């Protein structure tokens, strides 16, 4: 299937196109009828035969022991003061700043 398929069509019928790719076909994905990517089957060489081993980063990461020490009052105040965190858009008390109008 070398005919380009638009993104909207791929999103609506992804499972069907994945079945076609699993059967060995190549799907060309297009944006506004211009090809931008190919969806191709994975070759047997690319498939991992065994599970990824655990502990690959062992000895490469260290955590400062001070990380586990209790915080003093000043540090606790930073974490517990909601006014300090209202700049975060995910904070329940966040109010976005009004947008400035551009001069025309």
Protein backbone atom coordinates (compact mmCIF):
# COMPACT_ATOMS: atom_id res chain seq x y z
CA UNK A 1 0.00 0.00 0.00
CA UNK A 2 2.22 2.79 -1.26
CA UNK A 3 -0.68 5.21 -1.72
CA UNK A 4 -0.35 8.06 0.80
CA UNK A 5 -2.90 7.98 3.61
CA UNK A 6 -3.72 11.26 5.34
CA UNK A 7 -3.22 11.65 9.08
CA UNK A 8 -6.96 11.92 9.78
CA UNK A 9 -7.56 8.58 8.09
CA UNK A 10 -4.68 6.93 9.98
CA UNK A 11 -5.97 8.23 13.32
CA UNK A 12 -9.49 7.00 12.59
CA UNK A 13 -8.44 3.50 11.43
CA UNK A 14 -5.04 2.90 13.05
CA UNK A 15 -5.80 -0.71 14.04
CA UNK A 16 -6.62 -1.62 10.42
CA UNK A 17 -3.44 -0.03 9.10
CA UNK A 18 -1.36 -1.77 11.77
CA UNK A 19 -2.81 -5.12 10.65
CA UNK A 20 -1.79 -4.29 7.08
CA UNK A 21 1.74 -3.42 8.26
CA UNK A 22 1.93 -6.66 10.26
CA UNK A 23 1.04 -8.48 7.04
CA UNK A 24 4.11 -6.91 5.39
CA UNK A 25 2.68 -3.82 3.73
CA UNK A 26 4.19 -0.34 3.96
CA UNK A 27 1.84 2.55 4.76
CA UNK A 28 2.86 6.04 3.65
CA UNK A 29 1.50 8.72 6.01
CA UNK A 30 0.74 12.10 4.45
CA UNK A 31 -0.13 15.56 5.67
CA UNK A 32 -2.33 17.41 3.19
CA UNK A 33 -1.58 14.73 0.58
CA UNK A 34 2.20 15.20 0.89
CA UNK A 35 4.07 12.12 2.17
CA UNK A 36 5.85 12.74 5.49
CA UNK A 37 6.50 9.27 6.98
CA UNK A 38 6.38 5.54 6.35
CA UNK A 39 4.95 2.90 8.65
CA UNK A 40 6.91 -0.27 7.96
CA UNK A 41 6.97 -3.74 9.53
CA UNK A 42 9.61 -4.50 12.13
CA UNK A 43 12.20 -6.97 10.88
CA UNK A 44 12.88 -10.14 12.88
CA UNK A 45 16.38 -8.82 13.69
CA UNK A 46 14.85 -5.75 15.37
CA UNK A 47 12.65 -7.79 17.71
CA UNK A 48 14.21 -8.32 21.14
CA UNK A 49 14.54 -12.03 21.82
CA UNK A 50 14.98 -11.78 25.58
CA UNK A 51 13.65 -9.40 28.21
CA UNK A 52 15.78 -6.38 29.02
CA UNK A 53 18.08 -7.19 31.93
CA UNK A 54 17.57 -5.38 35.21
CA UNK A 55 20.26 -3.28 36.81
CA UNK A 56 21.85 -1.75 33.70
CA UNK A 57 22.43 1.52 35.56
CA UNK A 58 23.80 -0.10 38.72
CA UNK A 59 26.71 1.93 40.06
CA UNK A 60 26.08 4.84 37.66
CA UNK A 61 23.60 6.74 39.83
CA UNK A 62 24.32 8.08 43.29
CA UNK A 63 21.98 9.77 45.73
CA UNK A 64 23.41 12.19 48.26
CA UNK A 65 22.73 10.88 51.79
CA UNK A 66 21.59 14.41 52.75
CA UNK A 67 18.54 13.74 50.57
CA UNK A 68 17.16 11.49 53.32
CA UNK A 69 17.77 13.87 56.22
CA UNK A 70 14.78 15.70 57.71
CA UNK A 71 14.11 19.19 56.38
CA UNK A 72 14.52 22.18 58.66
CA UNK A 73 11.69 24.66 59.26
CA UNK A 74 12.75 27.01 56.44
CA UNK A 75 12.69 24.20 53.87
CA UNK A 76 9.33 22.95 55.16
CA UNK A 77 7.90 26.47 54.83
CA UNK A 78 8.86 26.50 51.14
CA UNK A 79 6.99 23.25 50.53
CA UNK A 80 3.95 24.17 52.59
CA UNK A 81 3.41 27.80 51.49
CA UNK A 82 0.83 27.76 48.69
CA UNK A 83 1.55 31.36 47.67
CA UNK A 84 4.98 30.28 46.44
CA UNK A 85 3.52 27.73 44.04
CA UNK A 86 0.67 29.69 42.45
CA UNK A 87 2.81 30.50 39.41
CA UNK A 88 2.41 26.88 38.36
CA UNK A 89 -0.58 26.58 35.98
CA UNK A 90 -1.45 23.20 37.55
CA UNK A 91 -1.83 24.79 41.00
CA UNK A 92 -5.49 25.08 42.10
CA UNK A 93 -5.07 28.76 43.01
CA UNK A 94 -3.32 29.71 39.74
CA UNK A 95 -4.77 32.66 37.87
CA UNK A 96 -3.17 33.50 34.52
CA UNK A 97 -1.83 37.00 34.05
CA UNK A 98 -3.96 39.16 31.76
CA UNK A 99 -2.70 39.29 28.20
CA UNK A 100 -1.40 42.57 26.87
CA UNK A 101 -3.09 43.76 23.71
CA UNK A 102 -0.85 44.43 20.77
CA UNK A 103 -0.95 47.82 19.09
CA UNK A 104 -2.41 47.72 15.61
